Amino acid sequence: CRPVTLDGRRYRALNPWSPTDGQLLEAVSRGEFMIQGFRNRDLRVLLYPRKGDFQQERQRSQRVSRLLALLRAHGLIRKVSGTHRYQITERGRRIITALLSARNADVDQLTQLAA
């Protein structure tokens, strides 16, 4: 949850409690992507269920590309060489699972676990 600098470029911090970042982390960690990975197109279908016109689809594709760069900068995903696919790293799998578990847990559950 801190900003990262990679190759002189600053990437914002991830906020798993925000609706957009939480939805992105849930989409990336879906089970069907664990073996073959996922593409920009796969995430667009999940993040934007309704189809838009050509200009909207192009903007959405660019937005998802920036989100993928953000996840790569944080080390949560990696690019599969020679393809347009990405996979979650081992570190990313642990972090995303922990963040989503904490996001979905209520205060009583967290208090019981801490005690």
N, C-alpha and C. Protein backbone atom coordinates (compact mmCIF):
# COMPACT_ATOMS: atom_id res chain seq x y z
N CYS A 1 0.83 -1.20 0.00
CA CYS A 1 0.00 0.00 0.00
C CYS A 1 0.86 1.25 0.00
N ARG A 2 2.02 1.16 -0.62
CA ARG A 2 2.90 2.32 -0.73
C ARG A 2 3.26 2.55 -2.20
N PRO A 3 3.53 3.79 -2.58
CA PRO A 3 3.95 4.04 -3.96
C PRO A 3 5.27 3.34 -4.27
N VAL A 4 5.46 3.02 -5.53
CA VAL A 4 6.66 2.31 -5.97
C VAL A 4 7.28 3.10 -7.12
N THR A 5 8.61 3.16 -7.15
CA THR A 5 9.32 3.75 -8.28
C THR A 5 10.07 2.65 -9.01
N LEU A 6 9.83 2.55 -10.31
CA LEU A 6 10.45 1.52 -11.13
C LEU A 6 10.96 2.18 -12.41
N ASP A 7 12.24 2.07 -12.67
CA ASP A 7 12.87 2.66 -13.85
C ASP A 7 12.60 4.16 -13.94
N GLY A 8 12.64 4.84 -12.81
CA GLY A 8 12.44 6.28 -12.78
C GLY A 8 10.99 6.73 -12.89
N ARG A 9 10.07 5.79 -12.95
CA ARG A 9 8.65 6.12 -13.05
C ARG A 9 7.96 5.76 -11.75
N ARG A 10 7.14 6.67 -11.25
CA ARG A 10 6.45 6.45 -9.99
C ARG A 10 5.07 5.84 -10.26
N TYR A 11 4.76 4.80 -9.52
CA TYR A 11 3.45 4.15 -9.60
C TYR A 11 2.74 4.35 -8.27
N ARG A 12 1.46 4.65 -8.34
CA ARG A 12 0.70 4.94 -7.13
C ARG A 12 0.57 3.71 -6.25
N ALA A 13 0.18 3.95 -5.02
CA ALA A 13 -0.04 2.85 -4.08
C ALA A 13 -1.35 2.14 -4.41
N LEU A 14 -1.42 0.88 -4.08
CA LEU A 14 -2.67 0.14 -4.23
C LEU A 14 -3.50 0.32 -2.96
N ASN A 15 -4.78 0.47 -3.13
CA ASN A 15 -5.69 0.57 -1.99
C ASN A 15 -6.74 -0.53 -2.14
N PRO A 16 -6.54 -1.69 -1.49
CA PRO A 16 -7.46 -2.81 -1.68
C PRO A 16 -8.86 -2.55 -1.15
N TRP A 17 -9.04 -1.51 -0.32
CA TRP A 17 -10.36 -1.21 0.20
C TRP A 17 -11.15 -0.28 -0.72
N SER A 18 -10.51 0.27 -1.72
CA SER A 18 -11.26 1.08 -2.69
C SER A 18 -11.99 0.13 -3.64
N PRO A 19 -13.15 0.52 -4.13
CA PRO A 19 -13.92 -0.38 -5.00
C PRO A 19 -13.18 -0.76 -6.29
N THR A 20 -12.47 0.19 -6.90
CA THR A 20 -11.81 -0.12 -8.17
C THR A 20 -10.62 -1.05 -7.99
N ASP A 21 -9.75 -0.78 -7.01
CA ASP A 21 -8.60 -1.64 -6.78
C ASP A 21 -9.04 -3.01 -6.26
N GLY A 22 -10.04 -3.04 -5.41
CA GLY A 22 -10.55 -4.31 -4.90
C GLY A 22 -11.12 -5.17 -6.02
N GLN A 23 -11.85 -4.55 -6.93
CA GLN A 23 -12.42 -5.28 -8.07
C GLN A 23 -11.31 -5.79 -8.98
N LEU A 24 -10.27 -5.00 -9.16
CA LEU A 24 -9.13 -5.43 -9.98
C LEU A 24 -8.44 -6.63 -9.35
N LEU A 25 -8.18 -6.59 -8.06
CA LEU A 25 -7.51 -7.70 -7.38
C LEU A 25 -8.37 -8.96 -7.42
N GLU A 26 -9.68 -8.82 -7.28
CA GLU A 26 -10.57 -9.98 -7.37
C GLU A 26 -10.55 -10.57 -8.77
N ALA A 27 -10.57 -9.71 -9.79
CA ALA A 27 -10.56 -10.19 -11.17
C ALA A 27 -9.27 -10.94 -11.50
N VAL A 28 -8.15 -10.40 -11.06
CA VAL A 28 -6.85 -11.00 -11.36
C VAL A 28 -6.69 -12.35 -10.66
N SER A 29 -7.27 -12.50 -9.49
CA SER A 29 -7.04 -13.71 -8.70
C SER A 29 -8.07 -14.81 -8.96
N ARG A 30 -8.86 -14.69 -10.00
CA ARG A 30 -9.85 -15.73 -10.32
C ARG A 30 -9.15 -17.04 -10.68
N GLY A 31 -9.81 -18.11 -10.36
CA GLY A 31 -9.22 -19.44 -10.55
C GLY A 31 -8.91 -19.80 -11.99
N GLU A 32 -9.75 -19.34 -12.93
CA GLU A 32 -9.52 -19.73 -14.33
C GLU A 32 -8.26 -19.12 -14.92
N PHE A 33 -7.67 -18.14 -14.24
CA PHE A 33 -6.46 -17.51 -14.74
C PHE A 33 -5.18 -18.10 -14.14
N MET A 34 -5.30 -19.04 -13.23
CA MET A 34 -4.12 -19.56 -12.54
C MET A 34 -3.22 -20.39 -13.45
N ILE A 35 -3.77 -21.09 -14.41
CA ILE A 35 -2.94 -21.96 -15.25
C ILE A 35 -2.41 -21.23 -16.48
N GLN A 36 -3.31 -20.66 -17.28
CA GLN A 36 -2.88 -20.03 -18.52
C GLN A 36 -2.62 -18.54 -18.39
N GLY A 37 -3.04 -17.93 -17.31
CA GLY A 37 -2.86 -16.50 -17.16
C GLY A 37 -4.04 -15.74 -17.74
N PHE A 38 -3.90 -14.43 -17.85
CA PHE A 38 -4.99 -13.58 -18.33
C PHE A 38 -4.44 -12.53 -19.27
N ARG A 39 -5.34 -11.99 -20.07
CA ARG A 39 -4.98 -10.94 -21.02
C ARG A 39 -5.74 -9.66 -20.66
N ASN A 40 -5.38 -8.59 -21.29
CA ASN A 40 -6.09 -7.32 -21.14
C ASN A 40 -7.56 -7.54 -21.46
N ARG A 41 -7.85 -8.25 -22.52
CA ARG A 41 -9.23 -8.50 -22.95
C ARG A 41 -10.03 -9.25 -21.88
N ASP A 42 -9.39 -10.20 -21.22
CA ASP A 42 -10.08 -10.97 -20.17
C ASP A 42 -10.48 -10.06 -19.01
N LEU A 43 -9.59 -9.16 -18.63
CA LEU A 43 -9.90 -8.24 -17.53
C LEU A 43 -10.95 -7.22 -17.92
N ARG A 44 -10.91 -6.77 -19.17
CA ARG A 44 -11.92 -5.79 -19.61
C ARG A 44 -13.33 -6.36 -19.51
N VAL A 45 -13.49 -7.62 -19.85
CA VAL A 45 -14.81 -8.25 -19.77
C VAL A 45 -15.30 -8.29 -18.32
N LEU A 46 -14.39 -8.52 -17.38
CA LEU A 46 -14.77 -8.60 -15.98
C LEU A 46 -14.98 -7.22 -15.35
N LEU A 47 -14.14 -6.27 -15.70
CA LEU A 47 -14.23 -4.94 -15.08
C LEU A 47 -15.32 -4.08 -15.71
N TYR A 48 -15.59 -4.29 -16.98
CA TYR A 48 -16.61 -3.51 -17.70
C TYR A 48 -17.56 -4.48 -18.39
N PRO A 49 -18.60 -4.95 -17.70
CA PRO A 49 -19.48 -5.99 -18.26
C PRO A 49 -20.26 -5.55 -19.49
N ARG A 50 -20.63 -4.27 -19.57
CA ARG A 50 -21.39 -3.83 -20.74
C ARG A 50 -20.45 -3.37 -21.83
N LYS A 51 -20.76 -3.77 -23.05
CA LYS A 51 -19.93 -3.41 -24.18
C LYS A 51 -20.20 -1.95 -24.56
N GLY A 52 -19.15 -1.24 -24.92
CA GLY A 52 -19.27 0.15 -25.34
C GLY A 52 -18.97 0.30 -26.81
N ASP A 53 -19.00 1.52 -27.28
CA ASP A 53 -18.65 1.77 -28.67
C ASP A 53 -17.13 1.67 -28.84
N PHE A 54 -16.65 1.89 -30.05
CA PHE A 54 -15.23 1.71 -30.36
C PHE A 54 -14.36 2.60 -29.48
N GLN A 55 -14.73 3.87 -29.32
CA GLN A 55 -13.93 4.80 -28.54
C GLN A 55 -13.89 4.39 -27.07
N GLN A 56 -15.01 3.96 -26.50
CA GLN A 56 -15.04 3.52 -25.11
C GLN A 56 -14.20 2.27 -24.91
N GLU A 57 -14.29 1.33 -25.83
CA GLU A 57 -13.50 0.10 -25.73
C GLU A 57 -12.01 0.40 -25.80
N ARG A 58 -11.64 1.35 -26.61
CA ARG A 58 -10.24 1.74 -26.73
C ARG A 58 -9.75 2.38 -25.43
N GLN A 59 -10.56 3.26 -24.84
CA GLN A 59 -10.20 3.89 -23.57
C GLN A 59 -10.11 2.86 -22.46
N ARG A 60 -11.02 1.91 -22.45
CA ARG A 60 -11.00 0.85 -21.43
C ARG A 60 -9.75 -0.01 -21.57
N SER A 61 -9.38 -0.31 -22.80
CA SER A 61 -8.17 -1.10 -23.04
C SER A 61 -6.94 -0.37 -22.52
N GLN A 62 -6.88 0.93 -22.76
CA GLN A 62 -5.75 1.73 -22.29
C GLN A 62 -5.73 1.78 -20.76
N ARG A 63 -6.90 1.90 -20.14
CA ARG A 63 -6.98 1.94 -18.68
C ARG A 63 -6.50 0.62 -18.08
N VAL A 64 -6.95 -0.50 -18.67
CA VAL A 64 -6.54 -1.81 -18.15
C VAL A 64 -5.04 -1.99 -18.35
N SER A 65 -4.47 -1.47 -19.43
CA SER A 65 -3.02 -1.55 -19.64
C SER A 65 -2.28 -0.81 -18.53
N ARG A 66 -2.80 0.35 -18.13
CA ARG A 66 -2.17 1.09 -17.04
C ARG A 66 -2.31 0.34 -15.72
N LEU A 67 -3.44 -0.31 -15.50
CA LEU A 67 -3.62 -1.10 -14.28
C LEU A 67 -2.68 -2.30 -14.25
N LEU A 68 -2.48 -2.92 -15.41
CA LEU A 68 -1.54 -4.04 -15.49
C LEU A 68 -0.11 -3.56 -15.19
N ALA A 69 0.24 -2.39 -15.69
CA ALA A 69 1.57 -1.83 -15.40
C ALA A 69 1.71 -1.55 -13.91
N LEU A 70 0.65 -1.09 -13.29
CA LEU A 70 0.66 -0.85 -11.84
C LEU A 70 0.90 -2.14 -11.08
N LEU A 71 0.20 -3.20 -11.44
CA LEU A 71 0.37 -4.48 -10.77
C LEU A 71 1.77 -5.05 -11.02
N ARG A 72 2.30 -4.85 -12.22
CA ARG A 72 3.66 -5.31 -12.52
C ARG A 72 4.69 -4.55 -11.70
N ALA A 73 4.50 -3.25 -11.55
CA ALA A 73 5.44 -2.44 -10.79
C ALA A 73 5.47 -2.87 -9.32
N HIS A 74 4.33 -3.29 -8.80
CA HIS A 74 4.26 -3.75 -7.42
C HIS A 74 4.71 -5.20 -7.27
N GLY A 75 5.02 -5.87 -8.38
CA GLY A 75 5.51 -7.24 -8.33
C GLY A 75 4.43 -8.27 -8.09
N LEU A 76 3.18 -7.93 -8.36
CA LEU A 76 2.09 -8.87 -8.14
C LEU A 76 1.83 -9.76 -9.34
N ILE A 77 2.15 -9.27 -10.54
CA ILE A 77 1.99 -10.08 -11.75
C ILE A 77 3.27 -9.99 -12.56
N ARG A 78 3.40 -10.93 -13.49
CA ARG A 78 4.55 -10.90 -14.41
C ARG A 78 4.04 -11.21 -15.81
N LYS A 79 4.75 -10.73 -16.80
CA LYS A 79 4.39 -10.98 -18.20
C LYS A 79 4.93 -12.33 -18.62
N VAL A 80 4.14 -13.10 -19.33
CA VAL A 80 4.59 -14.37 -19.90
C VAL A 80 5.25 -14.02 -21.23
N SER A 81 6.54 -14.32 -21.35
CA SER A 81 7.29 -13.91 -22.54
C SER A 81 6.75 -14.56 -23.80
N GLY A 82 6.71 -13.76 -24.86
CA GLY A 82 6.25 -14.25 -26.15
C GLY A 82 4.75 -14.30 -26.30
N THR A 83 4.00 -13.82 -25.33
CA THR A 83 2.54 -13.82 -25.39
C THR A 83 2.00 -12.47 -24.93
N HIS A 84 0.69 -12.34 -24.95
CA HIS A 84 0.03 -11.15 -24.42
C HIS A 84 -0.56 -11.45 -23.05
N ARG A 85 -0.09 -12.50 -22.39
CA ARG A 85 -0.67 -12.95 -21.14
C ARG A 85 0.18 -12.55 -19.94
N TYR A 86 -0.49 -12.51 -18.80
CA TYR A 86 0.15 -12.21 -17.52
C TYR A 86 -0.23 -13.30 -16.53
N GLN A 87 0.65 -13.53 -15.56
CA GLN A 87 0.36 -14.48 -14.49
C GLN A 87 0.68 -13.83 -13.15
N ILE A 88 -0.03 -14.28 -12.13
CA ILE A 88 0.24 -13.80 -10.79
C ILE A 88 1.53 -14.45 -10.30
N THR A 89 2.40 -13.68 -9.69
CA THR A 89 3.62 -14.23 -9.11
C THR A 89 3.27 -14.94 -7.80
N GLU A 90 4.19 -15.72 -7.30
CA GLU A 90 3.96 -16.41 -6.01
C GLU A 90 3.76 -15.39 -4.90
N ARG A 91 4.58 -14.38 -4.89
CA ARG A 91 4.44 -13.30 -3.90
C ARG A 91 3.10 -12.59 -4.07
N GLY A 92 2.71 -12.36 -5.32
CA GLY A 92 1.44 -11.71 -5.60
C GLY A 92 0.26 -12.54 -5.13
N ARG A 93 0.35 -13.84 -5.30
CA ARG A 93 -0.74 -14.73 -4.86
C ARG A 93 -0.93 -14.64 -3.35
N ARG A 94 0.17 -14.65 -2.62
CA ARG A 94 0.07 -14.55 -1.15
C ARG A 94 -0.51 -13.20 -0.73
N ILE A 95 -0.01 -12.13 -1.32
CA ILE A 95 -0.44 -10.78 -0.94
C ILE A 95 -1.89 -10.55 -1.33
N ILE A 96 -2.27 -10.91 -2.54
CA ILE A 96 -3.64 -10.69 -2.99
C ILE A 96 -4.62 -11.51 -2.16
N THR A 97 -4.27 -12.76 -1.85
CA THR A 97 -5.14 -13.58 -1.02
C THR A 97 -5.33 -12.97 0.36
N ALA A 98 -4.24 -12.49 0.95
CA ALA A 98 -4.33 -11.87 2.27
C ALA A 98 -5.16 -10.59 2.23
N LEU A 99 -4.96 -9.77 1.21
CA LEU A 99 -5.71 -8.52 1.10
C LEU A 99 -7.19 -8.76 0.89
N LEU A 100 -7.52 -9.72 0.02
CA LEU A 100 -8.93 -10.01 -0.23
C LEU A 100 -9.59 -10.65 0.97
N SER A 101 -8.85 -11.47 1.71
CA SER A 101 -9.40 -12.06 2.94
C SER A 101 -9.70 -10.98 3.97
N ALA A 102 -8.78 -10.06 4.14
CA ALA A 102 -8.99 -8.97 5.09
C ALA A 102 -10.12 -8.05 4.62
N ARG A 103 -10.22 -7.86 3.33
CA ARG A 103 -11.27 -7.00 2.78
C ARG A 103 -12.65 -7.61 2.99
N ASN A 104 -12.75 -8.92 2.87
CA ASN A 104 -14.04 -9.59 2.98
C ASN A 104 -14.41 -9.94 4.42
N ALA A 105 -13.46 -9.90 5.32
CA ALA A 105 -13.73 -10.23 6.73
C ALA A 105 -14.35 -9.03 7.42
N ASP A 106 -15.20 -9.31 8.39
CA ASP A 106 -15.74 -8.21 9.18
C ASP A 106 -14.89 -7.98 10.42
N VAL A 107 -15.17 -6.94 11.14
CA VAL A 107 -14.35 -6.54 12.29
C VAL A 107 -14.36 -7.62 13.36
N ASP A 108 -15.47 -8.27 13.60
CA ASP A 108 -15.53 -9.31 14.64
C ASP A 108 -14.59 -10.48 14.30
N GLN A 109 -14.57 -10.89 13.03
CA GLN A 109 -13.68 -11.98 12.63
C GLN A 109 -12.22 -11.59 12.83
N LEU A 110 -11.87 -10.38 12.45
CA LEU A 110 -10.48 -9.93 12.59
C LEU A 110 -10.09 -9.81 14.06
N THR A 111 -11.01 -9.38 14.89
CA THR A 111 -10.73 -9.26 16.33
C THR A 111 -10.48 -10.64 16.94
N GLN A 112 -11.28 -11.62 16.54
CA GLN A 112 -11.10 -12.99 17.05
C GLN A 112 -9.77 -13.58 16.62
N LEU A 113 -9.37 -13.30 15.38
CA LEU A 113 -8.10 -13.81 14.89
C LEU A 113 -6.92 -13.14 15.59
N ALA A 114 -7.06 -11.88 15.93
CA ALA A 114 -5.97 -11.16 16.59
C ALA A 114 -5.83 -11.54 18.05
N ALA A 115 -6.90 -11.96 18.68
CA ALA A 115 -6.87 -12.30 20.12
C ALA A 115 -6.29 -13.65 20.40
